[in-house]
Amino acid sequence: MVKRKGTGMLAVWSEVPPEHEEEFNECYNQEHISERLSVPGVLSATRYEAVKSGPNI
């Protein structure tokens, strides 16, 4: 396996109303992440979910 080293990071915080979460997550998972991964130099993508108050995605 070839070791890859990144030189930057992109972080995104989003506040999505509960009634739109399902649509947002589907679009983010199916389109947004794959579009970002197609950009030369982007090595990986990971999503996290907030466990305390604040932006929920």
PDB file of N, CA and C in Angstrom:
ATOM      1  N   MET A   1       0.837  -1.177   0.000  1.00  0.00           N
ATOM      2  CA  MET A   1       0.000   0.000   0.000  1.00  0.00           C
ATOM      3  C   MET A   1       0.886   1.246   0.000  1.00  0.00           C
ATOM      4  N   VAL A   2       0.566   2.189  -0.856  1.00  0.00           N
ATOM      5  CA  VAL A   2       1.310   3.442  -0.935  1.00  0.00           C
ATOM      6  C   VAL A   2       0.793   4.387   0.142  1.00  0.00           C
ATOM      7  N   LYS A   3       1.705   4.939   0.924  1.00  0.00           N
ATOM      8  CA  LYS A   3       1.313   5.885   1.960  1.00  0.00           C
ATOM      9  C   LYS A   3       1.095   7.253   1.324  1.00  0.00           C
ATOM     10  N   ARG A   4      -0.054   7.860   1.612  1.00  0.00           N
ATOM     11  CA  ARG A   4      -0.365   9.177   1.073  1.00  0.00           C
ATOM     12  C   ARG A   4      -0.290  10.197   2.197  1.00  0.00           C
ATOM     13  N   LYS A   5       0.192  11.381   1.882  1.00  0.00           N
ATOM     14  CA  LYS A   5       0.296  12.429   2.884  1.00  0.00           C
ATOM     15  C   LYS A   5      -0.424  13.668   2.375  1.00  0.00           C
ATOM     16  N   GLY A   6      -1.381  14.149   3.145  1.00  0.00           N
ATOM     17  CA  GLY A   6      -2.093  15.366   2.785  1.00  0.00           C
ATOM     18  C   GLY A   6      -1.381  16.593   3.325  1.00  0.00           C
ATOM     19  N   THR A   7      -1.666  17.730   2.713  1.00  0.00           N
ATOM     20  CA  THR A   7      -1.063  18.986   3.161  1.00  0.00           C
ATOM     21  C   THR A   7      -2.116  19.999   3.575  1.00  0.00           C
ATOM     22  N   GLY A   8      -3.368  19.602   3.591  1.00  0.00           N
ATOM     23  CA  GLY A   8      -4.436  20.516   3.973  1.00  0.00           C
ATOM     24  C   GLY A   8      -5.658  19.748   4.434  1.00  0.00           C
ATOM     25  N   MET A   9      -6.653  20.497   4.909  1.00  0.00           N
ATOM     26  CA  MET A   9      -7.880  19.874   5.384  1.00  0.00           C
ATOM     27  C   MET A   9      -9.039  20.832   5.150  1.00  0.00           C
ATOM     28  N   LEU A  10     -10.185  20.304   4.766  1.00  0.00           N
ATOM     29  CA  LEU A  10     -11.410  21.074   4.614  1.00  0.00           C
ATOM     30  C   LEU A  10     -12.399  20.549   5.642  1.00  0.00           C
ATOM     31  N   ALA A  11     -12.941  21.432   6.470  1.00  0.00           N
ATOM     32  CA  ALA A  11     -13.947  21.052   7.460  1.00  0.00           C
ATOM     33  C   ALA A  11     -15.212  21.863   7.189  1.00  0.00           C
ATOM     34  N   VAL A  12     -16.367  21.206   7.293  1.00  0.00           N
ATOM     35  CA  VAL A  12     -17.649  21.856   7.035  1.00  0.00           C
ATOM     36  C   VAL A  12     -18.581  21.576   8.205  1.00  0.00           C
ATOM     37  N   TRP A  13     -19.236  22.616   8.708  1.00  0.00           N
ATOM     38  CA  TRP A  13     -20.265  22.476   9.726  1.00  0.00           C
ATOM     39  C   TRP A  13     -21.575  22.919   9.105  1.00  0.00           C
ATOM     40  N   SER A  14     -22.635  22.163   9.333  1.00  0.00           N
ATOM     41  CA  SER A  14     -23.942  22.490   8.756  1.00  0.00           C
ATOM     42  C   SER A  14     -25.021  22.345   9.809  1.00  0.00           C
ATOM     43  N   GLU A  15     -26.002  23.233   9.762  1.00  0.00           N
ATOM     44  CA  GLU A  15     -27.187  23.136  10.614  1.00  0.00           C
ATOM     45  C   GLU A  15     -28.362  22.873   9.681  1.00  0.00           C
ATOM     46  N   VAL A  16     -28.877  21.660   9.729  1.00  0.00           N
ATOM     47  CA  VAL A  16     -29.944  21.246   8.820  1.00  0.00           C
ATOM     48  C   VAL A  16     -31.217  21.033   9.630  1.00  0.00           C
ATOM     49  N   PRO A  17     -32.331  21.667   9.237  1.00  0.00           N
ATOM     50  CA  PRO A  17     -33.594  21.439   9.940  1.00  0.00           C
ATOM     51  C   PRO A  17     -33.956  19.951   9.901  1.00  0.00           C
ATOM     52  N   PRO A  18     -34.494  19.425  10.992  1.00  0.00           N
ATOM     53  CA  PRO A  18     -34.815  17.990  11.064  1.00  0.00           C
ATOM     54  C   PRO A  18     -35.644  17.486   9.884  1.00  0.00           C
ATOM     55  N   GLU A  19     -36.564  18.301   9.393  1.00  0.00           N
ATOM     56  CA  GLU A  19     -37.423  17.854   8.291  1.00  0.00           C
ATOM     57  C   GLU A  19     -36.670  17.727   6.963  1.00  0.00           C
ATOM     58  N   HIS A  20     -35.437  18.232   6.891  1.00  0.00           N
ATOM     59  CA  HIS A  20     -34.640  18.143   5.662  1.00  0.00           C
ATOM     60  C   HIS A  20     -33.404  17.252   5.807  1.00  0.00           C
ATOM     61  N   GLU A  21     -33.206  16.684   6.996  1.00  0.00           N
ATOM     62  CA  GLU A  21     -32.004  15.882   7.242  1.00  0.00           C
ATOM     63  C   GLU A  21     -31.868  14.689   6.306  1.00  0.00           C
ATOM     64  N   GLU A  22     -32.936  13.954   6.081  1.00  0.00           N
ATOM     65  CA  GLU A  22     -32.854  12.760   5.229  1.00  0.00           C
ATOM     66  C   GLU A  22     -32.419  13.134   3.811  1.00  0.00           C
ATOM     67  N   GLU A  23     -33.039  14.165   3.243  1.00  0.00           N
ATOM     68  CA  GLU A  23     -32.683  14.614   1.893  1.00  0.00           C
ATOM     69  C   GLU A  23     -31.249  15.140   1.853  1.00  0.00           C
ATOM     70  N   PHE A  24     -30.869  15.925   2.866  1.00  0.00           N
ATOM     71  CA  PHE A  24     -29.516  16.474   2.936  1.00  0.00           C
ATOM     72  C   PHE A  24     -28.486  15.345   2.981  1.00  0.00           C
ATOM     73  N   ASN A  25     -28.697  14.372   3.860  1.00  0.00           N
ATOM     74  CA  ASN A  25     -27.744  13.271   4.007  1.00  0.00           C
ATOM     75  C   ASN A  25     -27.633  12.443   2.734  1.00  0.00           C
ATOM     76  N   GLU A  26     -28.750  12.190   2.078  1.00  0.00           N
ATOM     77  CA  GLU A  26     -28.709  11.421   0.832  1.00  0.00           C
ATOM     78  C   GLU A  26     -27.891  12.161  -0.225  1.00  0.00           C
ATOM     79  N   CYS A  27     -28.146  13.449  -0.387  1.00  0.00           N
ATOM     80  CA  CYS A  27     -27.404  14.246  -1.376  1.00  0.00           C
ATOM     81  C   CYS A  27     -25.922  14.320  -1.000  1.00  0.00           C
ATOM     82  N   TYR A  28     -25.651  14.557   0.268  1.00  0.00           N
ATOM     83  CA  TYR A  28     -24.258  14.684   0.714  1.00  0.00           C
ATOM     84  C   TYR A  28     -23.500  13.382   0.483  1.00  0.00           C
ATOM     85  N   ASN A  29     -24.122  12.268   0.875  1.00  0.00           N
ATOM     86  CA  ASN A  29     -23.464  10.962   0.755  1.00  0.00           C
ATOM     87  C   ASN A  29     -23.339  10.489  -0.692  1.00  0.00           C
ATOM     88  N   GLN A  30     -24.353  10.741  -1.513  1.00  0.00           N
ATOM     89  CA  GLN A  30     -24.370  10.209  -2.878  1.00  0.00           C
ATOM     90  C   GLN A  30     -23.718  11.134  -3.906  1.00  0.00           C
ATOM     91  N   GLU A  31     -23.730  12.444  -3.663  1.00  0.00           N
ATOM     92  CA  GLU A  31     -23.219  13.383  -4.661  1.00  0.00           C
ATOM     93  C   GLU A  31     -22.040  14.207  -4.154  1.00  0.00           C
ATOM     94  N   HIS A  32     -22.243  14.898  -3.059  1.00  0.00           N
ATOM     95  CA  HIS A  32     -21.243  15.858  -2.587  1.00  0.00           C
ATOM     96  C   HIS A  32     -19.886  15.205  -2.325  1.00  0.00           C
ATOM     97  N   ILE A  33     -19.874  14.118  -1.596  1.00  0.00           N
ATOM     98  CA  ILE A  33     -18.600  13.473  -1.252  1.00  0.00           C
ATOM     99  C   ILE A  33     -17.906  12.946  -2.508  1.00  0.00           C
ATOM    100  N   SER A  34     -18.650  12.287  -3.399  1.00  0.00           N
ATOM    101  CA  SER A  34     -18.007  11.762  -4.612  1.00  0.00           C
ATOM    102  C   SER A  34     -17.483  12.885  -5.496  1.00  0.00           C
ATOM    103  N   GLU A  35     -18.187  14.020  -5.527  1.00  0.00           N
ATOM    104  CA  GLU A  35     -17.689  15.171  -6.296  1.00  0.00           C
ATOM    105  C   GLU A  35     -16.386  15.697  -5.701  1.00  0.00           C
ATOM    106  N   ARG A  36     -16.308  15.782  -4.379  1.00  0.00           N
ATOM    107  CA  ARG A  36     -15.077  16.256  -3.730  1.00  0.00           C
ATOM    108  C   ARG A  36     -13.937  15.286  -3.990  1.00  0.00           C
ATOM    109  N   LEU A  37     -14.218  13.989  -3.925  1.00  0.00           N
ATOM    110  CA  LEU A  37     -13.168  12.985  -4.122  1.00  0.00           C
ATOM    111  C   LEU A  37     -12.664  12.940  -5.560  1.00  0.00           C
ATOM    112  N   SER A  38     -13.414  13.514  -6.493  1.00  0.00           N
ATOM    113  CA  SER A  38     -12.964  13.543  -7.889  1.00  0.00           C
ATOM    114  C   SER A  38     -11.996  14.699  -8.156  1.00  0.00           C
ATOM    115  N   VAL A  39     -11.818  15.585  -7.188  1.00  0.00           N
ATOM    116  CA  VAL A  39     -10.903  16.724  -7.343  1.00  0.00           C
ATOM    117  C   VAL A  39      -9.469  16.232  -7.141  1.00  0.00           C
ATOM    118  N   PRO A  40      -8.580  16.512  -8.087  1.00  0.00           N
ATOM    119  CA  PRO A  40      -7.185  16.089  -7.926  1.00  0.00           C
ATOM    120  C   PRO A  40      -6.594  16.618  -6.612  1.00  0.00           C
ATOM    121  N   GLY A  41      -5.948  15.736  -5.878  1.00  0.00           N
ATOM    122  CA  GLY A  41      -5.329  16.112  -4.613  1.00  0.00           C
ATOM    123  C   GLY A  41      -6.175  15.815  -3.391  1.00  0.00           C
ATOM    124  N   VAL A  42      -7.483  15.609  -3.573  1.00  0.00           N
ATOM    125  CA  VAL A  42      -8.342  15.234  -2.447  1.00  0.00           C
ATOM    126  C   VAL A  42      -8.150  13.744  -2.221  1.00  0.00           C
ATOM    127  N   LEU A  43      -7.705  13.381  -1.013  1.00  0.00           N
ATOM    128  CA  LEU A  43      -7.322  11.996  -0.732  1.00  0.00           C
ATOM    129  C   LEU A  43      -8.416  11.180  -0.057  1.00  0.00           C
ATOM    130  N   SER A  44      -9.262  11.828   0.751  1.00  0.00           N
ATOM    131  CA  SER A  44     -10.282  11.074   1.470  1.00  0.00           C
ATOM    132  C   SER A  44     -11.377  12.014   1.949  1.00  0.00           C
ATOM    133  N   ALA A  45     -12.466  11.417   2.428  1.00  0.00           N
ATOM    134  CA  ALA A  45     -13.581  12.172   2.991  1.00  0.00           C
ATOM    135  C   ALA A  45     -14.154  11.376   4.152  1.00  0.00           C
ATOM    136  N   THR A  46     -14.489  12.073   5.212  1.00  0.00           N
ATOM    137  CA  THR A  46     -15.072  11.452   6.397  1.00  0.00           C
ATOM    138  C   THR A  46     -16.169  12.351   6.928  1.00  0.00           C
ATOM    139  N   ARG A  47     -17.270  11.768   7.373  1.00  0.00           N
ATOM    140  CA  ARG A  47     -18.359  12.541   7.982  1.00  0.00           C
ATOM    141  C   ARG A  47     -18.436  12.209   9.461  1.00  0.00           C
ATOM    142  N   TYR A  48     -18.805  13.215  10.234  1.00  0.00           N
ATOM    143  CA  TYR A  48     -18.996  13.067  11.672  1.00  0.00           C
ATOM    144  C   TYR A  48     -20.340  13.660  12.035  1.00  0.00           C
ATOM    145  N   GLU A  49     -20.894  13.230  13.155  1.00  0.00           N
ATOM    146  CA  GLU A  49     -22.162  13.762  13.645  1.00  0.00           C
ATOM    147  C   GLU A  49     -21.946  14.311  15.045  1.00  0.00           C
ATOM    148  N   ALA A  50     -22.467  15.518  15.291  1.00  0.00           N
ATOM    149  CA  ALA A  50     -22.317  16.152  16.601  1.00  0.00           C
ATOM    150  C   ALA A  50     -23.076  15.357  17.661  1.00  0.00           C
ATOM    151  N   VAL A  51     -22.492  15.236  18.846  1.00  0.00           N
ATOM    152  CA  VAL A  51     -23.157  14.551  19.946  1.00  0.00           C
ATOM    153  C   VAL A  51     -23.663  15.535  20.992  1.00  0.00           C
ATOM    154  N   LYS A  52     -23.269  16.805  20.899  1.00  0.00           N
ATOM    155  CA  LYS A  52     -23.749  17.854  21.797  1.00  0.00           C
ATOM    156  C   LYS A  52     -24.367  18.957  20.959  1.00  0.00           C
ATOM    157  N   SER A  53     -24.861  19.999  21.617  1.00  0.00           N
ATOM    158  CA  SER A  53     -25.490  21.089  20.883  1.00  0.00           C
ATOM    159  C   SER A  53     -24.507  21.782  19.957  1.00  0.00           C
ATOM    160  N   GLY A  54     -25.034  22.387  18.931  1.00  0.00           N
ATOM    161  CA  GLY A  54     -24.231  23.043  17.911  1.00  0.00           C
ATOM    162  C   GLY A  54     -24.676  22.538  16.566  1.00  0.00           C
ATOM    163  N   PRO A  55     -23.960  22.865  15.505  1.00  0.00           N
ATOM    164  CA  PRO A  55     -24.346  22.334  14.200  1.00  0.00           C
ATOM    165  C   PRO A  55     -24.453  20.815  14.267  1.00  0.00           C
ATOM    166  N   ASN A  56     -25.515  20.275  13.668  1.00  0.00           N
ATOM    167  CA  ASN A  56     -25.754  18.839  13.831  1.00  0.00           C
ATOM    168  C   ASN A  56     -25.069  17.971  12.790  1.00  0.00           C
ATOM    169  N   ILE A  57     -24.493  18.564  11.751  1.00  0.00           N
ATOM    170  CA  ILE A  57     -23.817  17.760  10.728  1.00  0.00           C
ATOM    171  C   ILE A  57     -22.509  18.426  10.381  1.00  0.00           C
TER     172      ILE A  57
END
